């Protein structure tokens, strides 16, 4: 879907992202644990890839299948509009979280580059 933005009598075409990526983190620890034990607890990083059209969703499903076949240290869950990748880390390490985030952003760019552009 393409949306038109009017700016000073000029029309500019803005294309939304074909694949959106969002992140979350889950932990079995409570606020009490964090206060008294620190952040060094097991966490699960959750990356959600969402497609905005059927071709994007199919591309996500294919990538999800490849990831689940090749990488056994993460779990891929298909969703209605995309996939969710869950990765457990033994502790909440900022550098590892940052590396994972960068990797997932690169995967999103790779998937987007393989998709045909709007016609």
N, C-alpha and C. Protein backbone atom coordinates (compact mmCIF):
# COMPACT_ATOMS: atom_id res chain seq x y z
N UNK A 1 0.85 -1.16 0.00
CA UNK A 1 0.00 0.00 0.00
C UNK A 1 0.90 1.23 0.00
N UNK A 2 0.61 2.17 -0.83
CA UNK A 2 1.38 3.40 -0.93
C UNK A 2 0.50 4.54 -0.44
N UNK A 3 1.09 5.42 0.35
CA UNK A 3 0.31 6.54 0.85
C UNK A 3 0.90 7.82 0.27
N UNK A 4 0.05 8.77 -0.03
CA UNK A 4 0.46 10.03 -0.62
C UNK A 4 0.47 11.10 0.47
N UNK A 5 1.58 11.83 0.57
CA UNK A 5 1.71 12.91 1.54
C UNK A 5 1.80 14.22 0.78
N UNK A 6 0.95 15.17 1.11
CA UNK A 6 0.99 16.48 0.45
C UNK A 6 1.81 17.45 1.28
N UNK A 7 2.83 18.04 0.66
CA UNK A 7 3.69 18.99 1.34
C UNK A 7 3.90 20.19 0.44
N UNK A 8 3.42 21.34 0.86
CA UNK A 8 3.59 22.59 0.12
C UNK A 8 3.22 22.44 -1.35
N UNK A 9 2.07 21.85 -1.60
CA UNK A 9 1.51 21.70 -2.93
C UNK A 9 2.28 20.69 -3.78
N UNK A 10 3.26 19.97 -3.20
CA UNK A 10 3.96 18.93 -3.92
C UNK A 10 3.45 17.59 -3.41
N UNK A 11 3.38 16.61 -4.27
CA UNK A 11 2.98 15.28 -3.85
C UNK A 11 4.21 14.39 -3.77
N UNK A 12 4.35 13.76 -2.63
CA UNK A 12 5.49 12.89 -2.39
C UNK A 12 4.96 11.50 -2.09
N UNK A 13 5.53 10.47 -2.71
CA UNK A 13 5.09 9.11 -2.47
C UNK A 13 5.98 8.49 -1.40
N UNK A 14 5.35 7.96 -0.36
CA UNK A 14 6.07 7.32 0.72
C UNK A 14 5.64 5.85 0.75
N UNK A 15 6.61 4.94 0.64
CA UNK A 15 6.31 3.52 0.66
C UNK A 15 6.57 2.98 2.06
N UNK A 16 5.58 2.35 2.67
CA UNK A 16 5.82 1.77 3.99
C UNK A 16 6.75 0.56 3.89
N UNK A 17 7.33 0.18 5.00
CA UNK A 17 8.20 -0.98 5.04
C UNK A 17 7.39 -2.23 4.66
N UNK A 18 7.97 -3.09 3.86
CA UNK A 18 7.30 -4.34 3.51
C UNK A 18 7.31 -5.31 4.69
N UNK A 19 8.37 -5.23 5.50
CA UNK A 19 8.52 -6.10 6.66
C UNK A 19 8.88 -5.25 7.87
N UNK A 20 8.07 -5.30 8.90
CA UNK A 20 8.37 -4.61 10.15
C UNK A 20 9.03 -5.57 11.12
N UNK A 21 9.87 -5.02 11.98
CA UNK A 21 10.58 -5.80 12.98
C UNK A 21 10.41 -5.13 14.33
N UNK A 22 10.00 -5.90 15.33
CA UNK A 22 9.90 -5.37 16.69
C UNK A 22 10.57 -6.35 17.64
N UNK A 23 11.00 -5.83 18.78
CA UNK A 23 11.73 -6.63 19.76
C UNK A 23 11.05 -6.57 21.12
N UNK A 24 11.22 -7.64 21.87
CA UNK A 24 10.84 -7.64 23.27
C UNK A 24 11.76 -8.61 24.01
N UNK A 25 11.70 -8.55 25.33
CA UNK A 25 12.53 -9.40 26.15
C UNK A 25 11.66 -9.98 27.26
N UNK A 26 11.84 -11.26 27.52
CA UNK A 26 11.09 -11.91 28.59
C UNK A 26 12.07 -12.51 29.59
N UNK A 27 11.65 -12.54 30.84
CA UNK A 27 12.48 -13.12 31.89
C UNK A 27 11.59 -13.72 32.95
N UNK A 28 12.09 -14.77 33.58
CA UNK A 28 11.34 -15.35 34.68
C UNK A 28 11.61 -14.59 35.97
N UNK A 29 12.61 -13.71 35.94
CA UNK A 29 12.95 -12.92 37.11
C UNK A 29 11.91 -11.86 37.39
N UNK A 30 11.81 -11.50 38.65
CA UNK A 30 10.88 -10.45 39.06
C UNK A 30 11.65 -9.17 39.33
N UNK A 31 10.96 -8.10 39.56
CA UNK A 31 11.60 -6.84 39.93
C UNK A 31 12.44 -7.03 41.19
N UNK A 32 11.95 -7.84 42.10
CA UNK A 32 12.68 -8.15 43.33
C UNK A 32 14.03 -8.78 43.00
N UNK A 33 14.06 -9.74 42.07
CA UNK A 33 15.30 -10.37 41.65
C UNK A 33 16.27 -9.36 41.06
N UNK A 34 15.75 -8.48 40.24
CA UNK A 34 16.60 -7.48 39.59
C UNK A 34 17.23 -6.56 40.64
N UNK A 35 16.45 -6.14 41.61
CA UNK A 35 16.95 -5.22 42.63
C UNK A 35 18.05 -5.88 43.46
N UNK A 36 17.84 -7.12 43.89
CA UNK A 36 18.77 -7.75 44.81
C UNK A 36 19.81 -8.65 44.15
N UNK A 37 19.56 -9.11 42.95
CA UNK A 37 20.50 -9.99 42.28
C UNK A 37 21.13 -9.37 41.05
N UNK A 38 20.61 -8.28 40.58
CA UNK A 38 21.13 -7.64 39.39
C UNK A 38 20.48 -8.18 38.13
N UNK A 39 20.96 -7.74 36.99
CA UNK A 39 20.36 -8.10 35.71
C UNK A 39 20.89 -9.41 35.15
N UNK A 40 21.81 -10.07 35.85
CA UNK A 40 22.42 -11.29 35.34
C UNK A 40 21.51 -12.50 35.52
N UNK A 41 20.41 -12.51 34.79
CA UNK A 41 19.48 -13.62 34.83
C UNK A 41 19.16 -14.05 33.41
N UNK A 42 18.68 -15.28 33.29
CA UNK A 42 18.32 -15.79 31.97
C UNK A 42 17.19 -14.95 31.37
N UNK A 43 17.33 -14.63 30.08
CA UNK A 43 16.31 -13.86 29.38
C UNK A 43 16.01 -14.53 28.04
N UNK A 44 14.86 -14.23 27.49
CA UNK A 44 14.48 -14.69 26.16
C UNK A 44 14.26 -13.45 25.30
N UNK A 45 15.02 -13.35 24.22
CA UNK A 45 14.85 -12.25 23.28
C UNK A 45 13.81 -12.67 22.25
N UNK A 46 12.85 -11.81 21.99
CA UNK A 46 11.78 -12.11 21.04
C UNK A 46 11.84 -11.09 19.91
N UNK A 47 12.00 -11.59 18.69
CA UNK A 47 12.02 -10.74 17.49
C UNK A 47 10.78 -11.08 16.67
N UNK A 48 9.96 -10.08 16.40
CA UNK A 48 8.73 -10.30 15.63
C UNK A 48 8.85 -9.63 14.27
N UNK A 49 8.76 -10.44 13.24
CA UNK A 49 8.78 -9.96 11.86
C UNK A 49 7.34 -10.00 11.35
N UNK A 50 6.84 -8.87 10.86
CA UNK A 50 5.47 -8.78 10.39
C UNK A 50 5.46 -8.30 8.94
N UNK A 51 4.77 -9.03 8.07
CA UNK A 51 4.64 -8.65 6.67
C UNK A 51 3.33 -7.93 6.43
N UNK A 52 3.33 -7.01 5.48
CA UNK A 52 2.14 -6.21 5.21
C UNK A 52 1.41 -6.60 3.92
N UNK A 53 1.88 -7.65 3.30
CA UNK A 53 1.20 -8.17 2.10
C UNK A 53 1.52 -9.65 2.00
N UNK A 54 0.73 -10.41 1.26
CA UNK A 54 0.93 -11.87 1.21
C UNK A 54 2.34 -12.30 0.78
N UNK A 55 2.94 -11.60 -0.17
CA UNK A 55 4.30 -11.97 -0.60
C UNK A 55 5.30 -11.81 0.53
N UNK A 56 5.14 -10.76 1.31
CA UNK A 56 6.03 -10.54 2.44
C UNK A 56 5.86 -11.62 3.50
N UNK A 57 4.62 -11.98 3.78
CA UNK A 57 4.35 -13.03 4.78
C UNK A 57 4.92 -14.36 4.30
N UNK A 58 4.76 -14.70 3.04
CA UNK A 58 5.33 -15.94 2.50
C UNK A 58 6.84 -15.94 2.57
N UNK A 59 7.46 -14.80 2.30
CA UNK A 59 8.92 -14.68 2.42
C UNK A 59 9.34 -14.92 3.86
N UNK A 60 8.60 -14.36 4.80
CA UNK A 60 8.91 -14.57 6.22
C UNK A 60 8.79 -16.04 6.60
N UNK A 61 7.76 -16.70 6.12
CA UNK A 61 7.60 -18.13 6.42
C UNK A 61 8.78 -18.94 5.88
N UNK A 62 9.22 -18.62 4.66
CA UNK A 62 10.35 -19.35 4.08
C UNK A 62 11.63 -19.13 4.87
N UNK A 63 11.91 -17.85 5.24
CA UNK A 63 13.09 -17.56 6.04
C UNK A 63 12.98 -18.24 7.40
N UNK A 64 11.80 -18.23 7.99
CA UNK A 64 11.60 -18.88 9.28
C UNK A 64 11.91 -20.36 9.22
N UNK A 65 11.49 -21.02 8.14
CA UNK A 65 11.77 -22.44 7.96
C UNK A 65 13.28 -22.67 7.86
N UNK A 66 13.96 -21.84 7.07
CA UNK A 66 15.42 -21.98 6.92
C UNK A 66 16.13 -21.76 8.25
N UNK A 67 15.70 -20.77 8.99
CA UNK A 67 16.33 -20.47 10.29
C UNK A 67 16.11 -21.64 11.25
N UNK A 68 14.90 -22.17 11.31
CA UNK A 68 14.63 -23.27 12.24
C UNK A 68 15.38 -24.54 11.85
N UNK A 69 15.63 -24.75 10.56
CA UNK A 69 16.38 -25.93 10.11
C UNK A 69 17.87 -25.81 10.40
N UNK A 70 18.41 -24.60 10.31
CA UNK A 70 19.86 -24.42 10.41
C UNK A 70 20.34 -24.04 11.80
N UNK A 71 19.51 -23.39 12.60
CA UNK A 71 19.94 -22.89 13.90
C UNK A 71 19.06 -23.49 14.98
N UNK A 72 19.63 -24.37 15.76
CA UNK A 72 18.86 -25.08 16.79
C UNK A 72 18.84 -24.31 18.11
N UNK A 73 19.56 -23.20 18.22
CA UNK A 73 19.60 -22.46 19.48
C UNK A 73 18.54 -21.36 19.56
N UNK A 74 17.63 -21.35 18.61
CA UNK A 74 16.51 -20.41 18.67
C UNK A 74 15.26 -21.12 18.15
N UNK A 75 14.11 -20.59 18.52
CA UNK A 75 12.85 -21.21 18.12
C UNK A 75 12.08 -20.24 17.23
N UNK A 76 11.57 -20.73 16.11
CA UNK A 76 10.79 -19.92 15.18
C UNK A 76 9.33 -20.34 15.27
N UNK A 77 8.47 -19.37 15.54
CA UNK A 77 7.03 -19.62 15.61
C UNK A 77 6.33 -18.87 14.47
N UNK A 78 5.60 -19.58 13.60
CA UNK A 78 4.83 -18.87 12.58
C UNK A 78 3.65 -18.15 13.22
N UNK A 79 3.35 -16.97 12.76
CA UNK A 79 2.21 -16.18 13.22
C UNK A 79 1.35 -15.85 12.00
N UNK A 80 0.17 -15.31 12.24
CA UNK A 80 -0.76 -14.99 11.15
C UNK A 80 -0.13 -14.07 10.10
N UNK A 81 0.61 -13.06 10.55
CA UNK A 81 1.16 -12.09 9.60
C UNK A 81 2.68 -12.10 9.57
N UNK A 82 3.30 -13.21 9.98
CA UNK A 82 4.76 -13.27 9.93
C UNK A 82 5.32 -14.36 10.82
N UNK A 83 6.48 -14.08 11.43
CA UNK A 83 7.13 -15.05 12.29
C UNK A 83 7.64 -14.37 13.56
N UNK A 84 7.87 -15.21 14.56
CA UNK A 84 8.45 -14.76 15.82
C UNK A 84 9.65 -15.66 16.09
N UNK A 85 10.80 -15.05 16.38
CA UNK A 85 12.01 -15.81 16.68
C UNK A 85 12.33 -15.58 18.15
N UNK A 86 12.48 -16.68 18.89
CA UNK A 86 12.78 -16.60 20.31
C UNK A 86 14.18 -17.17 20.56
N UNK A 87 15.00 -16.41 21.26
CA UNK A 87 16.39 -16.79 21.52
C UNK A 87 16.66 -16.66 23.01
N UNK A 88 17.03 -17.76 23.66
CA UNK A 88 17.36 -17.73 25.09
C UNK A 88 18.82 -17.36 25.27
N UNK A 89 19.06 -16.51 26.26
CA UNK A 89 20.42 -16.13 26.64
C UNK A 89 20.59 -16.47 28.12
N UNK A 90 21.76 -16.98 28.51
CA UNK A 90 21.96 -17.36 29.90
C UNK A 90 21.91 -16.17 30.87
N UNK A 91 22.19 -14.99 30.36
CA UNK A 91 22.12 -13.79 31.20
C UNK A 91 21.81 -12.58 30.34
N UNK A 92 21.35 -11.54 30.96
CA UNK A 92 21.00 -10.31 30.27
C UNK A 92 22.26 -9.49 30.02
N UNK A 93 23.00 -9.87 29.00
CA UNK A 93 24.26 -9.22 28.65
C UNK A 93 23.99 -8.20 27.55
N UNK A 94 24.28 -6.95 27.83
CA UNK A 94 23.99 -5.87 26.88
C UNK A 94 24.64 -6.11 25.53
N UNK A 95 25.89 -6.58 25.51
CA UNK A 95 26.57 -6.79 24.23
C UNK A 95 25.89 -7.89 23.41
N UNK A 96 25.49 -8.98 24.06
CA UNK A 96 24.81 -10.06 23.34
C UNK A 96 23.46 -9.60 22.80
N UNK A 97 22.74 -8.84 23.61
CA UNK A 97 21.44 -8.32 23.17
C UNK A 97 21.64 -7.39 21.97
N UNK A 98 22.67 -6.55 22.03
CA UNK A 98 22.96 -5.63 20.94
C UNK A 98 23.34 -6.39 19.66
N UNK A 99 24.16 -7.44 19.79
CA UNK A 99 24.54 -8.25 18.63
C UNK A 99 23.30 -8.92 18.01
N UNK A 100 22.42 -9.45 18.87
CA UNK A 100 21.21 -10.11 18.37
C UNK A 100 20.33 -9.11 17.63
N UNK A 101 20.16 -7.93 18.19
CA UNK A 101 19.34 -6.89 17.57
C UNK A 101 19.89 -6.52 16.20
N UNK A 102 21.20 -6.33 16.12
CA UNK A 102 21.84 -5.99 14.85
C UNK A 102 21.66 -7.13 13.83
N UNK A 103 21.83 -8.37 14.28
CA UNK A 103 21.64 -9.52 13.40
C UNK A 103 20.22 -9.56 12.85
N UNK A 104 19.22 -9.37 13.69
CA UNK A 104 17.83 -9.41 13.25
C UNK A 104 17.51 -8.26 12.28
N UNK A 105 18.09 -7.09 12.51
CA UNK A 105 17.90 -5.98 11.57
C UNK A 105 18.52 -6.31 10.22
N UNK A 106 19.68 -6.95 10.23
CA UNK A 106 20.32 -7.36 8.97
C UNK A 106 19.49 -8.43 8.26
N UNK A 107 18.90 -9.35 9.01
CA UNK A 107 18.04 -10.37 8.41
C UNK A 107 16.83 -9.70 7.75
N UNK A 108 16.25 -8.72 8.43
CA UNK A 108 15.09 -8.01 7.85
C UNK A 108 15.48 -7.32 6.55
N UNK A 109 16.63 -6.67 6.53
CA UNK A 109 17.10 -6.01 5.30
C UNK A 109 17.32 -7.02 4.19
N UNK A 110 17.89 -8.17 4.53
CA UNK A 110 18.13 -9.22 3.52
C UNK A 110 16.81 -9.73 2.95
N UNK A 111 15.83 -10.01 3.82
CA UNK A 111 14.54 -10.47 3.34
C UNK A 111 13.87 -9.43 2.46
N UNK A 112 13.93 -8.18 2.87
CA UNK A 112 13.31 -7.09 2.10
C UNK A 112 13.97 -6.96 0.73
N UNK A 113 15.29 -7.12 0.67
CA UNK A 113 16.00 -6.97 -0.61
C UNK A 113 15.66 -8.09 -1.58
N UNK A 114 15.24 -9.24 -1.08
CA UNK A 114 14.89 -10.36 -1.97
C UNK A 114 13.47 -10.29 -2.50
N UNK A 115 12.68 -9.37 -1.96
CA UNK A 115 11.30 -9.25 -2.39
C UNK A 115 11.20 -8.32 -3.60
N UNK A 116 10.32 -8.65 -4.53
CA UNK A 116 10.13 -7.76 -5.67
C UNK A 116 9.50 -6.46 -5.21
N UNK A 117 9.88 -5.36 -5.83
CA UNK A 117 9.33 -4.05 -5.51
C UNK A 117 7.89 -3.91 -5.97
N UNK A 118 7.22 -2.84 -5.53
CA UNK A 118 5.84 -2.62 -5.96
C UNK A 118 5.76 -2.37 -7.44
N UNK A 119 4.70 -2.81 -8.05
CA UNK A 119 4.58 -2.68 -9.52
C UNK A 119 3.62 -1.57 -9.88
